[in-house]
Amino acid sequence: MALVKDGFSWPAAVFGFIWALVIGAWDVALVLFALQMVVGTVAGLLIESPDVQTVIQIGLAVVIGLIANEMRRWSLDRHGLHEDAVVTAHDKEEAERRYLDANPYMTAKLLRE
């Protein structure tokens, strides 16, 4: 079982591929690393202004923050953890409780493990 927050990911926006390494999404880390390197290299070759290059890198960070959790879902799906439900909650613990309350078979399965 894995819980993935919906919405913007500040850690992913700030740390990029390092965020993906920390959460164990190696495939996402590889994609983000390549994306950051390609954008940085192309911006460096085509744009002389450091200010514009900085704006491009900040824009890339915002895009990464916006798509990071979706990329995490993609990675989990590739590794056999398919989306089962959507739960609305204020924090991770509440989300876990609501999910397990709605799925008693999962609670029983977790207790057997």
PDB file of N, CA and C in Angstrom:
ATOM      1  N   MET A   1       0.848  -1.179   0.000  1.00  0.00           N
ATOM      2  CA  MET A   1       0.000   0.000   0.000  1.00  0.00           C
ATOM      3  C   MET A   1       0.886   1.233   0.000  1.00  0.00           C
ATOM      4  N   ALA A   2       0.551   2.180  -0.842  1.00  0.00           N
ATOM      5  CA  ALA A   2       1.276   3.448  -0.912  1.00  0.00           C
ATOM      6  C   ALA A   2       0.270   4.578  -1.039  1.00  0.00           C
ATOM      7  N   LEU A   3       0.508   5.634  -0.308  1.00  0.00           N
ATOM      8  CA  LEU A   3      -0.332   6.820  -0.408  1.00  0.00           C
ATOM      9  C   LEU A   3       0.427   7.881  -1.183  1.00  0.00           C
ATOM     10  N   VAL A   4      -0.248   8.483  -2.158  1.00  0.00           N
ATOM     11  CA  VAL A   4       0.373   9.529  -2.955  1.00  0.00           C
ATOM     12  C   VAL A   4      -0.523  10.754  -2.898  1.00  0.00           C
ATOM     13  N   LYS A   5       0.042  11.825  -2.423  1.00  0.00           N
ATOM     14  CA  LYS A   5      -0.678  13.088  -2.314  1.00  0.00           C
ATOM     15  C   LYS A   5      -1.016  13.602  -3.709  1.00  0.00           C
ATOM     16  N   ASP A   6      -2.151  14.254  -3.819  1.00  0.00           N
ATOM     17  CA  ASP A   6      -2.532  14.901  -5.069  1.00  0.00           C
ATOM     18  C   ASP A   6      -2.144  16.371  -4.966  1.00  0.00           C
ATOM     19  N   GLY A   7      -1.647  16.920  -6.038  1.00  0.00           N
ATOM     20  CA  GLY A   7      -1.309  18.339  -6.040  1.00  0.00           C
ATOM     21  C   GLY A   7       0.176  18.605  -6.144  1.00  0.00           C
ATOM     22  N   PHE A   8       0.544  19.849  -5.894  1.00  0.00           N
ATOM     23  CA  PHE A   8       1.911  20.325  -6.065  1.00  0.00           C
ATOM     24  C   PHE A   8       2.842  19.700  -5.027  1.00  0.00           C
ATOM     25  N   SER A   9       4.044  19.346  -5.453  1.00  0.00           N
ATOM     26  CA  SER A   9       5.050  18.778  -4.558  1.00  0.00           C
ATOM     27  C   SER A   9       6.209  19.755  -4.407  1.00  0.00           C
ATOM     28  N   TRP A  10       6.270  20.428  -3.263  1.00  0.00           N
ATOM     29  CA  TRP A  10       7.366  21.356  -3.000  1.00  0.00           C
ATOM     30  C   TRP A  10       8.713  20.656  -2.958  1.00  0.00           C
ATOM     31  N   PRO A  11       8.830  19.502  -2.290  1.00  0.00           N
ATOM     32  CA  PRO A  11      10.140  18.832  -2.281  1.00  0.00           C
ATOM     33  C   PRO A  11      10.634  18.493  -3.686  1.00  0.00           C
ATOM     34  N   ALA A  12       9.741  18.058  -4.554  1.00  0.00           N
ATOM     35  CA  ALA A  12      10.135  17.733  -5.930  1.00  0.00           C
ATOM     36  C   ALA A  12      10.539  18.992  -6.685  1.00  0.00           C
ATOM     37  N   ALA A  13       9.826  20.084  -6.472  1.00  0.00           N
ATOM     38  CA  ALA A  13      10.152  21.335  -7.160  1.00  0.00           C
ATOM     39  C   ALA A  13      11.517  21.858  -6.724  1.00  0.00           C
ATOM     40  N   VAL A  14      11.815  21.744  -5.437  1.00  0.00           N
ATOM     41  CA  VAL A  14      13.067  22.286  -4.909  1.00  0.00           C
ATOM     42  C   VAL A  14      14.247  21.365  -5.189  1.00  0.00           C
ATOM     43  N   PHE A  15      14.055  20.048  -5.021  1.00  0.00           N
ATOM     44  CA  PHE A  15      15.179  19.122  -5.105  1.00  0.00           C
ATOM     45  C   PHE A  15      15.226  18.294  -6.386  1.00  0.00           C
ATOM     46  N   GLY A  16      14.177  18.353  -7.198  1.00  0.00           N
ATOM     47  CA  GLY A  16      14.178  17.660  -8.487  1.00  0.00           C
ATOM     48  C   GLY A  16      14.420  16.166  -8.380  1.00  0.00           C
ATOM     49  N   PHE A  17      15.408  15.672  -9.135  1.00  0.00           N
ATOM     50  CA  PHE A  17      15.635  14.232  -9.191  1.00  0.00           C
ATOM     51  C   PHE A  17      16.076  13.660  -7.843  1.00  0.00           C
ATOM     52  N   ILE A  18      16.654  14.474  -6.964  1.00  0.00           N
ATOM     53  CA  ILE A  18      17.051  13.983  -5.636  1.00  0.00           C
ATOM     54  C   ILE A  18      15.819  13.564  -4.844  1.00  0.00           C
ATOM     55  N   TRP A  19      14.709  14.299  -4.990  1.00  0.00           N
ATOM     56  CA  TRP A  19      13.441  13.919  -4.352  1.00  0.00           C
ATOM     57  C   TRP A  19      13.044  12.518  -4.791  1.00  0.00           C
ATOM     58  N   ALA A  20      13.151  12.252  -6.090  1.00  0.00           N
ATOM     59  CA  ALA A  20      12.765  10.938  -6.613  1.00  0.00           C
ATOM     60  C   ALA A  20      13.673   9.841  -6.065  1.00  0.00           C
ATOM     61  N   LEU A  21      14.962  10.121  -5.917  1.00  0.00           N
ATOM     62  CA  LEU A  21      15.873   9.130  -5.332  1.00  0.00           C
ATOM     63  C   LEU A  21      15.497   8.833  -3.889  1.00  0.00           C
ATOM     64  N   VAL A  22      15.151   9.858  -3.135  1.00  0.00           N
ATOM     65  CA  VAL A  22      14.800   9.690  -1.723  1.00  0.00           C
ATOM     66  C   VAL A  22      13.548   8.829  -1.560  1.00  0.00           C
ATOM     67  N   ILE A  23      12.553   9.006  -2.435  1.00  0.00           N
ATOM     68  CA  ILE A  23      11.325   8.205  -2.314  1.00  0.00           C
ATOM     69  C   ILE A  23      11.457   6.842  -2.967  1.00  0.00           C
ATOM     70  N   GLY A  24      12.606   6.589  -3.600  1.00  0.00           N
ATOM     71  CA  GLY A  24      12.852   5.277  -4.201  1.00  0.00           C
ATOM     72  C   GLY A  24      12.300   5.094  -5.603  1.00  0.00           C
ATOM     73  N   ALA A  25      11.961   6.170  -6.256  1.00  0.00           N
ATOM     74  CA  ALA A  25      11.435   6.095  -7.626  1.00  0.00           C
ATOM     75  C   ALA A  25      12.598   6.320  -8.592  1.00  0.00           C
ATOM     76  N   TRP A  26      13.396   5.293  -8.806  1.00  0.00           N
ATOM     77  CA  TRP A  26      14.612   5.403  -9.607  1.00  0.00           C
ATOM     78  C   TRP A  26      14.297   5.771 -11.054  1.00  0.00           C
ATOM     79  N   ASP A  27      13.199   5.225 -11.582  1.00  0.00           N
ATOM     80  CA  ASP A  27      12.838   5.540 -12.963  1.00  0.00           C
ATOM     81  C   ASP A  27      12.453   7.016 -13.106  1.00  0.00           C
ATOM     82  N   VAL A  28      11.750   7.537 -12.138  1.00  0.00           N
ATOM     83  CA  VAL A  28      11.379   8.954 -12.143  1.00  0.00           C
ATOM     84  C   VAL A  28      12.640   9.807 -11.980  1.00  0.00           C
ATOM     85  N   ALA A  29      13.544   9.384 -11.111  1.00  0.00           N
ATOM     86  CA  ALA A  29      14.794  10.123 -10.906  1.00  0.00           C
ATOM     87  C   ALA A  29      15.582  10.217 -12.207  1.00  0.00           C
ATOM     88  N   LEU A  30      15.633   9.126 -12.943  1.00  0.00           N
ATOM     89  CA  LEU A  30      16.363   9.120 -14.210  1.00  0.00           C
ATOM     90  C   LEU A  30      15.724  10.090 -15.213  1.00  0.00           C
ATOM     91  N   VAL A  31      14.400  10.067 -15.305  1.00  0.00           N
ATOM     92  CA  VAL A  31      13.692  10.969 -16.222  1.00  0.00           C
ATOM     93  C   VAL A  31      13.921  12.428 -15.814  1.00  0.00           C
ATOM     94  N   LEU A  32      13.791  12.721 -14.519  1.00  0.00           N
ATOM     95  CA  LEU A  32      13.974  14.105 -14.065  1.00  0.00           C
ATOM     96  C   LEU A  32      15.414  14.571 -14.255  1.00  0.00           C
ATOM     97  N   PHE A  33      16.372  13.693 -13.977  1.00  0.00           N
ATOM     98  CA  PHE A  33      17.779  14.050 -14.167  1.00  0.00           C
ATOM     99  C   PHE A  33      18.051  14.394 -15.632  1.00  0.00           C
ATOM    100  N   ALA A  34      17.580  13.532 -16.520  1.00  0.00           N
ATOM    101  CA  ALA A  34      17.784  13.767 -17.956  1.00  0.00           C
ATOM    102  C   ALA A  34      17.098  15.066 -18.389  1.00  0.00           C
ATOM    103  N   LEU A  35      15.871  15.278 -17.912  1.00  0.00           N
ATOM    104  CA  LEU A  35      15.132  16.499 -18.266  1.00  0.00           C
ATOM    105  C   LEU A  35      15.870  17.745 -17.787  1.00  0.00           C
ATOM    106  N   GLN A  36      16.341  17.717 -16.545  1.00  0.00           N
ATOM    107  CA  GLN A  36      17.050  18.870 -16.008  1.00  0.00           C
ATOM    108  C   GLN A  36      18.361  19.121 -16.754  1.00  0.00           C
ATOM    109  N   MET A  37      19.070  18.068 -17.105  1.00  0.00           N
ATOM    110  CA  MET A  37      20.329  18.224 -17.833  1.00  0.00           C
ATOM    111  C   MET A  37      20.094  18.758 -19.254  1.00  0.00           C
ATOM    112  N   VAL A  38      19.089  18.222 -19.932  1.00  0.00           N
ATOM    113  CA  VAL A  38      18.804  18.666 -21.300  1.00  0.00           C
ATOM    114  C   VAL A  38      18.363  20.125 -21.305  1.00  0.00           C
ATOM    115  N   VAL A  39      17.441  20.481 -20.428  1.00  0.00           N
ATOM    116  CA  VAL A  39      16.962  21.874 -20.386  1.00  0.00           C
ATOM    117  C   VAL A  39      18.101  22.814 -20.012  1.00  0.00           C
ATOM    118  N   GLY A  40      18.909  22.439 -19.031  1.00  0.00           N
ATOM    119  CA  GLY A  40      20.036  23.279 -18.632  1.00  0.00           C
ATOM    120  C   GLY A  40      21.052  23.452 -19.749  1.00  0.00           C
ATOM    121  N   THR A  41      21.360  22.361 -20.437  1.00  0.00           N
ATOM    122  CA  THR A  41      22.332  22.426 -21.527  1.00  0.00           C
ATOM    123  C   THR A  41      21.809  23.247 -22.698  1.00  0.00           C
ATOM    124  N   VAL A  42      20.574  22.994 -23.106  1.00  0.00           N
ATOM    125  CA  VAL A  42      19.987  23.732 -24.233  1.00  0.00           C
ATOM    126  C   VAL A  42      19.871  25.219 -23.889  1.00  0.00           C
ATOM    127  N   ALA A  43      19.432  25.517 -22.673  1.00  0.00           N
ATOM    128  CA  ALA A  43      19.324  26.927 -22.271  1.00  0.00           C
ATOM    129  C   ALA A  43      20.700  27.580 -22.263  1.00  0.00           C
ATOM    130  N   GLY A  44      21.705  26.862 -21.801  1.00  0.00           N
ATOM    131  CA  GLY A  44      23.054  27.409 -21.774  1.00  0.00           C
ATOM    132  C   GLY A  44      23.620  27.661 -23.160  1.00  0.00           C
ATOM    133  N   LEU A  45      23.274  26.802 -24.103  1.00  0.00           N
ATOM    134  CA  LEU A  45      23.782  26.958 -25.465  1.00  0.00           C
ATOM    135  C   LEU A  45      23.043  28.012 -26.274  1.00  0.00           C
ATOM    136  N   LEU A  46      21.751  28.128 -26.064  1.00  0.00           N
ATOM    137  CA  LEU A  46      20.930  29.011 -26.900  1.00  0.00           C
ATOM    138  C   LEU A  46      20.678  30.393 -26.304  1.00  0.00           C
ATOM    139  N   ILE A  47      20.813  30.513 -24.990  1.00  0.00           N
ATOM    140  CA  ILE A  47      20.451  31.766 -24.334  1.00  0.00           C
ATOM    141  C   ILE A  47      21.667  32.300 -23.584  1.00  0.00           C
ATOM    142  N   GLU A  48      22.045  33.512 -23.884  1.00  0.00           N
ATOM    143  CA  GLU A  48      23.233  34.096 -23.264  1.00  0.00           C
ATOM    144  C   GLU A  48      22.945  34.735 -21.908  1.00  0.00           C
ATOM    145  N   SER A  49      21.751  35.202 -21.713  1.00  0.00           N
ATOM    146  CA  SER A  49      21.408  35.915 -20.480  1.00  0.00           C
ATOM    147  C   SER A  49      21.252  34.952 -19.301  1.00  0.00           C
ATOM    148  N   PRO A  50      22.059  35.133 -18.253  1.00  0.00           N
ATOM    149  CA  PRO A  50      21.908  34.286 -17.057  1.00  0.00           C
ATOM    150  C   PRO A  50      20.540  34.459 -16.391  1.00  0.00           C
ATOM    151  N   ASP A  51      19.979  35.652 -16.493  1.00  0.00           N
ATOM    152  CA  ASP A  51      18.663  35.898 -15.896  1.00  0.00           C
ATOM    153  C   ASP A  51      17.589  35.047 -16.581  1.00  0.00           C
ATOM    154  N   VAL A  52      17.642  34.989 -17.897  1.00  0.00           N
ATOM    155  CA  VAL A  52      16.669  34.193 -18.652  1.00  0.00           C
ATOM    156  C   VAL A  52      16.885  32.705 -18.362  1.00  0.00           C
ATOM    157  N   GLN A  53      18.136  32.284 -18.270  1.00  0.00           N
ATOM    158  CA  GLN A  53      18.425  30.891 -17.937  1.00  0.00           C
ATOM    159  C   GLN A  53      17.856  30.535 -16.556  1.00  0.00           C
ATOM    160  N   THR A  54      17.988  31.464 -15.612  1.00  0.00           N
ATOM    161  CA  THR A  54      17.433  31.246 -14.275  1.00  0.00           C
ATOM    162  C   THR A  54      15.919  31.131 -14.315  1.00  0.00           C
ATOM    163  N   VAL A  55      15.274  31.984 -15.078  1.00  0.00           N
ATOM    164  CA  VAL A  55      13.808  31.926 -15.209  1.00  0.00           C
ATOM    165  C   VAL A  55      13.387  30.594 -15.818  1.00  0.00           C
ATOM    166  N   ILE A  56      14.126  30.111 -16.796  1.00  0.00           N
ATOM    167  CA  ILE A  56      13.818  28.811 -17.408  1.00  0.00           C
ATOM    168  C   ILE A  56      13.965  27.693 -16.386  1.00  0.00           C
ATOM    169  N   GLN A  57      15.022  27.729 -15.580  1.00  0.00           N
ATOM    170  CA  GLN A  57      15.224  26.693 -14.561  1.00  0.00           C
ATOM    171  C   GLN A  57      14.131  26.743 -13.486  1.00  0.00           C
ATOM    172  N   ILE A  58      13.716  27.941 -13.110  1.00  0.00           N
ATOM    173  CA  ILE A  58      12.619  28.076 -12.137  1.00  0.00           C
ATOM    174  C   ILE A  58      11.319  27.559 -12.744  1.00  0.00           C
ATOM    175  N   GLY A  59      11.088  27.877 -14.011  1.00  0.00           N
ATOM    176  CA  GLY A  59       9.901  27.349 -14.695  1.00  0.00           C
ATOM    177  C   GLY A  59       9.905  25.837 -14.740  1.00  0.00           C
ATOM    178  N   LEU A  60      11.072  25.255 -15.008  1.00  0.00           N
ATOM    179  CA  LEU A  60      11.182  23.793 -15.005  1.00  0.00           C
ATOM    180  C   LEU A  60      10.896  23.232 -13.618  1.00  0.00           C
ATOM    181  N   ALA A  61      11.397  23.888 -12.580  1.00  0.00           N
ATOM    182  CA  ALA A  61      11.139  23.434 -11.215  1.00  0.00           C
ATOM    183  C   ALA A  61       9.641  23.462 -10.903  1.00  0.00           C
ATOM    184  N   VAL A  62       8.945  24.495 -11.355  1.00  0.00           N
ATOM    185  CA  VAL A  62       7.492  24.579 -11.139  1.00  0.00           C
ATOM    186  C   VAL A  62       6.785  23.435 -11.872  1.00  0.00           C
ATOM    187  N   VAL A  63       7.184  23.179 -13.094  1.00  0.00           N
ATOM    188  CA  VAL A  63       6.579  22.076 -13.860  1.00  0.00           C
ATOM    189  C   VAL A  63       6.825  20.744 -13.153  1.00  0.00           C
ATOM    190  N   ILE A  64       8.043  20.532 -12.677  1.00  0.00           N
ATOM    191  CA  ILE A  64       8.356  19.300 -11.955  1.00  0.00           C
ATOM    192  C   ILE A  64       7.484  19.181 -10.713  1.00  0.00           C
ATOM    193  N   GLY A  65       7.327  20.277  -9.974  1.00  0.00           N
ATOM    194  CA  GLY A  65       6.464  20.253  -8.791  1.00  0.00           C
ATOM    195  C   GLY A  65       5.020  19.907  -9.127  1.00  0.00           C
ATOM    196  N   LEU A  66       4.563  20.372 -10.283  1.00  0.00           N
ATOM    197  CA  LEU A  66       3.179  20.103 -10.701  1.00  0.00           C
ATOM    198  C   LEU A  66       2.965  18.650 -11.125  1.00  0.00           C
ATOM    199  N   ILE A  67       3.962  18.035 -11.758  1.00  0.00           N
ATOM    200  CA  ILE A  67       3.769  16.675 -12.287  1.00  0.00           C
ATOM    201  C   ILE A  67       4.404  15.582 -11.426  1.00  0.00           C
ATOM    202  N   ALA A  68       5.101  15.960 -10.370  1.00  0.00           N
ATOM    203  CA  ALA A  68       5.868  14.987  -9.585  1.00  0.00           C
ATOM    204  C   ALA A  68       5.017  13.859  -9.015  1.00  0.00           C
ATOM    205  N   ASN A  69       3.905  14.184  -8.391  1.00  0.00           N
ATOM    206  CA  ASN A  69       3.092  13.133  -7.776  1.00  0.00           C
ATOM    207  C   ASN A  69       2.454  12.231  -8.831  1.00  0.00           C
ATOM    208  N   GLU A  70       2.147  12.797  -9.983  1.00  0.00           N
ATOM    209  CA  GLU A  70       1.629  11.969 -11.079  1.00  0.00           C
ATOM    210  C   GLU A  70       2.720  11.027 -11.588  1.00  0.00           C
ATOM    211  N   MET A  71       3.949  11.508 -11.642  1.00  0.00           N
ATOM    212  CA  MET A  71       5.069  10.643 -12.042  1.00  0.00           C
ATOM    213  C   MET A  71       5.302   9.546 -11.005  1.00  0.00           C
ATOM    214  N   ARG A  72       5.093   9.880  -9.739  1.00  0.00           N
ATOM    215  CA  ARG A  72       5.229   8.856  -8.683  1.00  0.00           C
ATOM    216  C   ARG A  72       4.165   7.773  -8.862  1.00  0.00           C
ATOM    217  N   ARG A  73       2.928   8.187  -9.174  1.00  0.00           N
ATOM    218  CA  ARG A  73       1.870   7.198  -9.435  1.00  0.00           C
ATOM    219  C   ARG A  73       2.247   6.307 -10.616  1.00  0.00           C
ATOM    220  N   TRP A  74       2.809   6.912 -11.666  1.00  0.00           N
ATOM    221  CA  TRP A  74       3.243   6.166 -12.840  1.00  0.00           C
ATOM    222  C   TRP A  74       4.300   5.134 -12.446  1.00  0.00           C
ATOM    223  N   SER A  75       5.246   5.548 -11.624  1.00  0.00           N
ATOM    224  CA  SER A  75       6.307   4.642 -11.182  1.00  0.00           C
ATOM    225  C   SER A  75       5.737   3.496 -10.347  1.00  0.00           C
ATOM    226  N   LEU A  76       4.855   3.812  -9.427  1.00  0.00           N
ATOM    227  CA  LEU A  76       4.244   2.769  -8.594  1.00  0.00           C
ATOM    228  C   LEU A  76       3.438   1.798  -9.459  1.00  0.00           C
ATOM    229  N   ASP A  77       2.718   2.314 -10.438  1.00  0.00           N
ATOM    230  CA  ASP A  77       1.942   1.474 -11.338  1.00  0.00           C
ATOM    231  C   ASP A  77       2.857   0.538 -12.128  1.00  0.00           C
ATOM    232  N   ARG A  78       3.992   1.046 -12.580  1.00  0.00           N
ATOM    233  CA  ARG A  78       4.960   0.225 -13.316  1.00  0.00           C
ATOM    234  C   ARG A  78       5.503  -0.913 -12.449  1.00  0.00           C
ATOM    235  N   HIS A  79       5.507  -0.702 -11.130  1.00  0.00           N
ATOM    236  CA  HIS A  79       6.038  -1.714 -10.221  1.00  0.00           C
ATOM    237  C   HIS A  79       4.942  -2.526  -9.541  1.00  0.00           C
ATOM    238  N   GLY A  80       3.745  -2.492 -10.094  1.00  0.00           N
ATOM    239  CA  GLY A  80       2.677  -3.369  -9.635  1.00  0.00           C
ATOM    240  C   GLY A  80       1.759  -2.827  -8.567  1.00  0.00           C
ATOM    241  N   LEU A  81       1.919  -1.585  -8.149  1.00  0.00           N
ATOM    242  CA  LEU A  81       1.007  -0.989  -7.177  1.00  0.00           C
ATOM    243  C   LEU A  81       0.029  -0.093  -7.924  1.00  0.00           C
ATOM    244  N   HIS A  82      -1.153  -0.614  -8.181  1.00  0.00           N
ATOM    245  CA  HIS A  82      -2.144   0.101  -8.984  1.00  0.00           C
ATOM    246  C   HIS A  82      -3.052   0.927  -8.089  1.00  0.00           C
ATOM    247  N   GLU A  83      -3.543   2.038  -8.636  1.00  0.00           N
ATOM    248  CA  GLU A  83      -4.423   2.913  -7.870  1.00  0.00           C
ATOM    249  C   GLU A  83      -5.697   2.162  -7.513  1.00  0.00           C
ATOM    250  N   ASP A  84      -6.034   2.225  -6.237  1.00  0.00           N
ATOM    251  CA  ASP A  84      -7.195   1.496  -5.736  1.00  0.00           C
ATOM    252  C   ASP A  84      -8.335   2.429  -5.351  1.00  0.00           C
ATOM    253  N   ALA A  85      -7.989   3.578  -4.799  1.00  0.00           N
ATOM    254  CA  ALA A  85      -9.028   4.487  -4.321  1.00  0.00           C
ATOM    255  C   ALA A  85      -8.467   5.891  -4.194  1.00  0.00           C
ATOM    256  N   VAL A  86      -9.383   6.849  -4.136  1.00  0.00           N
ATOM    257  CA  VAL A  86      -9.024   8.230  -3.866  1.00  0.00           C
ATOM    258  C   VAL A  86      -9.642   8.579  -2.515  1.00  0.00           C
ATOM    259  N   VAL A  87      -8.831   9.132  -1.631  1.00  0.00           N
ATOM    260  CA  VAL A  87      -9.273   9.460  -0.281  1.00  0.00           C
ATOM    261  C   VAL A  87      -8.981  10.931  -0.032  1.00  0.00           C
ATOM    262  N   THR A  88      -9.961  11.634   0.507  1.00  0.00           N
ATOM    263  CA  THR A  88      -9.777  13.039   0.859  1.00  0.00           C
ATOM    264  C   THR A  88      -9.481  13.126   2.349  1.00  0.00           C
ATOM    265  N   ALA A  89      -8.365  13.782   2.690  1.00  0.00           N
ATOM    266  CA  ALA A  89      -7.974  13.897   4.094  1.00  0.00           C
ATOM    267  C   ALA A  89      -7.042  15.086   4.266  1.00  0.00           C
ATOM    268  N   HIS A  90      -6.855  15.480   5.521  1.00  0.00           N
ATOM    269  CA  HIS A  90      -5.971  16.608   5.824  1.00  0.00           C
ATOM    270  C   HIS A  90      -4.508  16.201   5.928  1.00  0.00           C
ATOM    271  N   ASP A  91      -4.244  14.956   6.293  1.00  0.00           N
ATOM    272  CA  ASP A  91      -2.870  14.490   6.418  1.00  0.00           C
ATOM    273  C   ASP A  91      -2.797  12.991   6.117  1.00  0.00           C
ATOM    274  N   LYS A  92      -1.589  12.466   6.122  1.00  0.00           N
ATOM    275  CA  LYS A  92      -1.355  11.079   5.742  1.00  0.00           C
ATOM    276  C   LYS A  92      -2.058  10.099   6.685  1.00  0.00           C
ATOM    277  N   GLU A  93      -1.982  10.348   7.981  1.00  0.00           N
ATOM    278  CA  GLU A  93      -2.596   9.439   8.949  1.00  0.00           C
ATOM    279  C   GLU A  93      -4.119   9.359   8.773  1.00  0.00           C
ATOM    280  N   GLU A  94      -4.740  10.508   8.540  1.00  0.00           N
ATOM    281  CA  GLU A  94      -6.188  10.522   8.317  1.00  0.00           C
ATOM    282  C   GLU A  94      -6.536   9.791   7.022  1.00  0.00           C
ATOM    283  N   ALA A  95      -5.721   9.965   6.002  1.00  0.00           N
ATOM    284  CA  ALA A  95      -5.958   9.268   4.728  1.00  0.00           C
ATOM    285  C   ALA A  95      -5.856   7.758   4.920  1.00  0.00           C
ATOM    286  N   GLU A  96      -4.832   7.305   5.646  1.00  0.00           N
ATOM    287  CA  GLU A  96      -4.692   5.869   5.919  1.00  0.00           C
ATOM    288  C   GLU A  96      -5.905   5.340   6.671  1.00  0.00           C
ATOM    289  N   ARG A  97      -6.320   6.066   7.719  1.00  0.00           N
ATOM    290  CA  ARG A  97      -7.466   5.623   8.521  1.00  0.00           C
ATOM    291  C   ARG A  97      -8.736   5.545   7.681  1.00  0.00           C
ATOM    292  N   ARG A  98      -8.989   6.566   6.863  1.00  0.00           N
ATOM    293  CA  ARG A  98     -10.199   6.567   6.032  1.00  0.00           C
ATOM    294  C   ARG A  98     -10.178   5.426   5.017  1.00  0.00           C
ATOM    295  N   TYR A  99      -9.013   5.197   4.430  1.00  0.00           N
ATOM    296  CA  TYR A  99      -8.905   4.108   3.457  1.00  0.00           C
ATOM    297  C   TYR A  99      -9.143   2.766   4.136  1.00  0.00           C
ATOM    298  N   LEU A 100      -8.496   2.539   5.261  1.00  0.00           N
ATOM    299  CA  LEU A 100      -8.646   1.250   5.945  1.00  0.00           C
ATOM    300  C   LEU A 100     -10.050   1.065   6.523  1.00  0.00           C
ATOM    301  N   ASP A 101     -10.685   2.144   6.959  1.00  0.00           N
ATOM    302  CA  ASP A 101     -12.079   2.055   7.425  1.00  0.00           C
ATOM    303  C   ASP A 101     -13.005   1.628   6.291  1.00  0.00           C
ATOM    304  N   ALA A 102     -12.736   2.118   5.085  1.00  0.00           N
ATOM    305  CA  ALA A 102     -13.582   1.796   3.933  1.00  0.00           C
ATOM    306  C   ALA A 102     -13.239   0.446   3.312  1.00  0.00           C
ATOM    307  N   ASN A 103     -12.088  -0.126   3.672  1.00  0.00           N
ATOM    308  CA  ASN A 103     -11.625  -1.391   3.090  1.00  0.00           C
ATOM    309  C   ASN A 103     -11.185  -2.358   4.184  1.00  0.00           C
ATOM    310  N   PRO A 104     -12.136  -2.937   4.904  1.00  0.00           N
ATOM    311  CA  PRO A 104     -11.769  -3.816   6.020  1.00  0.00           C
ATOM    312  C   PRO A 104     -10.955  -5.040   5.581  1.00  0.00           C
ATOM    313  N   TYR A 105     -11.129  -5.489   4.338  1.00  0.00           N
ATOM    314  CA  TYR A 105     -10.334  -6.623   3.860  1.00  0.00           C
ATOM    315  C   TYR A 105      -8.847  -6.267   3.848  1.00  0.00           C
ATOM    316  N   MET A 106      -8.517  -5.003   3.552  1.00  0.00           N
ATOM    317  CA  MET A 106      -7.126  -4.570   3.544  1.00  0.00           C
ATOM    318  C   MET A 106      -6.580  -4.515   4.970  1.00  0.00           C
ATOM    319  N   THR A 107      -7.411  -4.084   5.905  1.00  0.00           N
ATOM    320  CA  THR A 107      -6.989  -4.057   7.298  1.00  0.00           C
ATOM    321  C   THR A 107      -6.652  -5.460   7.764  1.00  0.00           C
ATOM    322  N   ALA A 108      -7.521  -6.414   7.454  1.00  0.00           N
ATOM    323  CA  ALA A 108      -7.275  -7.810   7.840  1.00  0.00           C
ATOM    324  C   ALA A 108      -6.002  -8.337   7.184  1.00  0.00           C
ATOM    325  N   LYS A 109      -5.787  -7.993   5.932  1.00  0.00           N
ATOM    326  CA  LYS A 109      -4.592  -8.432   5.219  1.00  0.00           C
ATOM    327  C   LYS A 109      -3.335  -7.860   5.850  1.00  0.00           C
ATOM    328  N   LEU A 110      -3.364  -6.585   6.230  1.00  0.00           N
ATOM    329  CA  LEU A 110      -2.208  -5.959   6.858  1.00  0.00           C
ATOM    330  C   LEU A 110      -1.930  -6.544   8.244  1.00  0.00           C
ATOM    331  N   LEU A 111      -2.983  -6.914   8.953  1.00  0.00           N
ATOM    332  CA  LEU A 111      -2.787  -7.498  10.279  1.00  0.00           C
ATOM    333  C   LEU A 111      -2.181  -8.888  10.211  1.00  0.00           C
ATOM    334  N   ARG A 112      -2.446  -9.618   9.117  1.00  0.00           N
ATOM    335  CA  ARG A 112      -1.871 -10.965   8.950  1.00  0.00           C
ATOM    336  C   ARG A 112      -0.392 -10.895   8.605  1.00  0.00           C
ATOM    337  N   GLU A 113       0.061  -9.799   7.998  1.00  0.00           N
ATOM    338  CA  GLU A 113       1.461  -9.711   7.550  1.00  0.00           C
ATOM    339  C   GLU A 113       2.406  -9.460   8.678  1.00  0.00           C
TER     340      GLU A 113
END
